[in-house]
Amino acid sequence: MFSFLKRLGGPQIDLAELDALLARGAVRVLDVREETEFRSGHLRGAINIPVKQLPDRIGRLKHDKPYAVICQSGTRSKSATSYLLDQGFEGTVSVTGGTGAWVRSGRPIVQ
């Protein structure tokens, strides 16, 4: 298995901070859930790369803005955030509570 999946940590932001960053166009959202989860509902403009595919697909990510990494609850995004930071993606953060918290807060998703 991928060793980075076992590591947790890295900087985190809450939904209000994500809202502010999105309003300024200051981040890209990277959704690391599986494709079926992503298709069931995601943040507008989010890029989907499942966490297990991240090492193979990292070359597709741009370096022009930091990434706000999101999953369903926040666990996978923490691992992916640590991995991206290790790979030189400065400013990458994990979204606390994930898409589940986003939906529970009444914020819009794309289906």
Protein backbone atom coordinates (compact mmCIF):
# COMPACT_ATOMS: atom_id res chain seq x y z
CA MET A 1 0.00 0.00 0.00
CA PHE A 2 1.05 3.61 -0.31
CA SER A 3 3.00 4.75 2.73
CA PHE A 4 1.60 8.28 2.57
CA LEU A 5 -1.89 6.94 3.29
CA LYS A 6 -0.78 6.08 6.81
CA ARG A 7 0.50 9.57 7.59
CA LEU A 8 -1.88 12.16 8.93
CA GLY A 9 -1.29 15.80 9.54
CA GLY A 10 -0.57 19.00 7.75
CA PRO A 11 -2.35 22.31 7.86
CA GLN A 12 -6.12 22.37 8.03
CA ILE A 13 -8.82 24.95 7.33
CA ASP A 14 -12.49 25.05 8.24
CA LEU A 15 -15.42 25.69 5.92
CA ALA A 16 -15.52 29.43 6.59
CA GLU A 17 -11.85 29.73 5.64
CA LEU A 18 -12.48 27.69 2.49
CA ASP A 19 -15.40 29.95 1.58
CA ALA A 20 -13.16 33.01 1.91
CA LEU A 21 -10.37 31.47 -0.17
CA LEU A 22 -12.81 30.39 -2.88
CA ALA A 23 -14.41 33.84 -2.99
CA ARG A 24 -10.96 35.33 -3.69
CA GLY A 25 -10.08 32.62 -6.20
CA ALA A 26 -7.05 31.86 -4.05
CA VAL A 27 -7.21 28.03 -4.09
CA ARG A 28 -8.09 25.07 -6.23
CA VAL A 29 -10.21 22.33 -4.65
CA LEU A 30 -8.85 18.80 -4.97
CA ASP A 31 -11.39 16.11 -4.06
CA VAL A 32 -9.59 12.88 -3.19
CA ARG A 33 -12.67 10.69 -2.79
CA GLU A 34 -13.37 7.78 -5.14
CA GLU A 35 -14.99 8.66 -8.47
CA THR A 36 -18.39 7.26 -7.43
CA GLU A 37 -18.36 9.44 -4.30
CA PHE A 38 -17.37 12.47 -6.38
CA ARG A 39 -20.19 11.88 -8.87
CA SER A 40 -22.72 11.73 -6.02
CA GLY A 41 -21.95 15.37 -5.16
CA HIS A 42 -18.94 17.67 -5.01
CA LEU A 43 -17.92 21.29 -4.66
CA ARG A 44 -18.25 23.37 -7.81
CA GLY A 45 -14.97 23.44 -9.73
CA ALA A 46 -13.38 20.60 -7.75
CA ILE A 47 -10.81 18.38 -9.43
CA ASN A 48 -11.18 14.67 -8.65
CA ILE A 49 -8.16 12.46 -8.13
CA PRO A 50 -8.81 9.56 -5.75
CA VAL A 51 -6.19 9.46 -2.99
CA LYS A 52 -4.81 6.07 -4.07
CA GLN A 53 -4.24 7.41 -7.60
CA LEU A 54 -2.55 10.61 -6.47
CA PRO A 55 1.07 9.42 -6.89
CA ASP A 56 0.38 8.36 -10.49
CA ARG A 57 -1.60 11.46 -11.44
CA ILE A 58 0.25 14.19 -9.55
CA GLY A 59 1.84 15.40 -12.78
CA ARG A 60 -1.57 16.65 -13.92
CA LEU A 61 -1.81 19.15 -11.07
CA LYS A 62 -0.92 22.79 -11.67
CA HIS A 63 1.35 24.76 -9.35
CA ASP A 64 -0.29 28.17 -9.92
CA LYS A 65 -2.44 28.12 -6.73
CA PRO A 66 -2.45 26.19 -3.48
CA TYR A 67 -4.84 23.27 -3.14
CA ALA A 68 -7.61 22.86 -0.59
CA VAL A 69 -7.88 19.07 -0.36
CA ILE A 70 -11.24 17.58 0.55
CA CYS A 71 -12.66 14.09 1.05
CA GLN A 72 -15.81 12.89 2.81
CA SER A 73 -14.82 13.47 6.43
CA GLY A 74 -11.26 14.81 6.46
CA THR A 75 -9.16 11.68 6.95
CA ARG A 76 -8.04 10.99 3.37
CA SER A 77 -7.53 14.69 2.73
CA LYS A 78 -5.05 14.91 5.62
CA SER A 79 -2.93 12.15 4.10
CA ALA A 80 -3.13 13.67 0.63
CA THR A 81 -2.23 17.11 1.99
CA SER A 82 0.91 15.76 3.64
CA TYR A 83 1.86 13.98 0.43
CA LEU A 84 1.32 17.09 -1.73
CA LEU A 85 3.35 19.24 0.66
CA ASP A 86 6.17 16.68 0.48
CA GLN A 87 6.00 16.92 -3.31
CA GLY A 88 6.43 20.70 -3.31
CA PHE A 89 2.82 21.88 -3.50
CA GLU A 90 3.25 24.77 -1.10
CA GLY A 91 0.22 26.16 0.69
CA THR A 92 -1.79 22.95 0.41
CA VAL A 93 -4.36 22.54 3.18
CA SER A 94 -6.89 19.91 4.26
CA VAL A 95 -10.54 20.88 4.69
CA THR A 96 -11.74 19.89 8.17
CA GLY A 97 -14.95 17.87 8.12
CA GLY A 98 -14.81 17.31 4.37
CA THR A 99 -17.69 17.19 1.95
CA GLY A 100 -19.94 15.76 4.65
CA ALA A 101 -19.57 18.93 6.72
CA TRP A 102 -19.99 21.04 3.59
CA VAL A 103 -23.34 19.39 2.81
CA ARG A 104 -24.52 19.48 6.44
CA SER A 105 -23.84 23.22 6.52
CA GLY A 106 -26.24 23.75 3.63
CA ARG A 107 -23.59 24.83 1.16
CA PRO A 108 -24.25 23.89 -2.50
CA ILE A 109 -22.84 20.87 -4.28
CA VAL A 110 -22.80 19.81 -7.91
CA GLN A 111 -24.30 16.45 -8.79
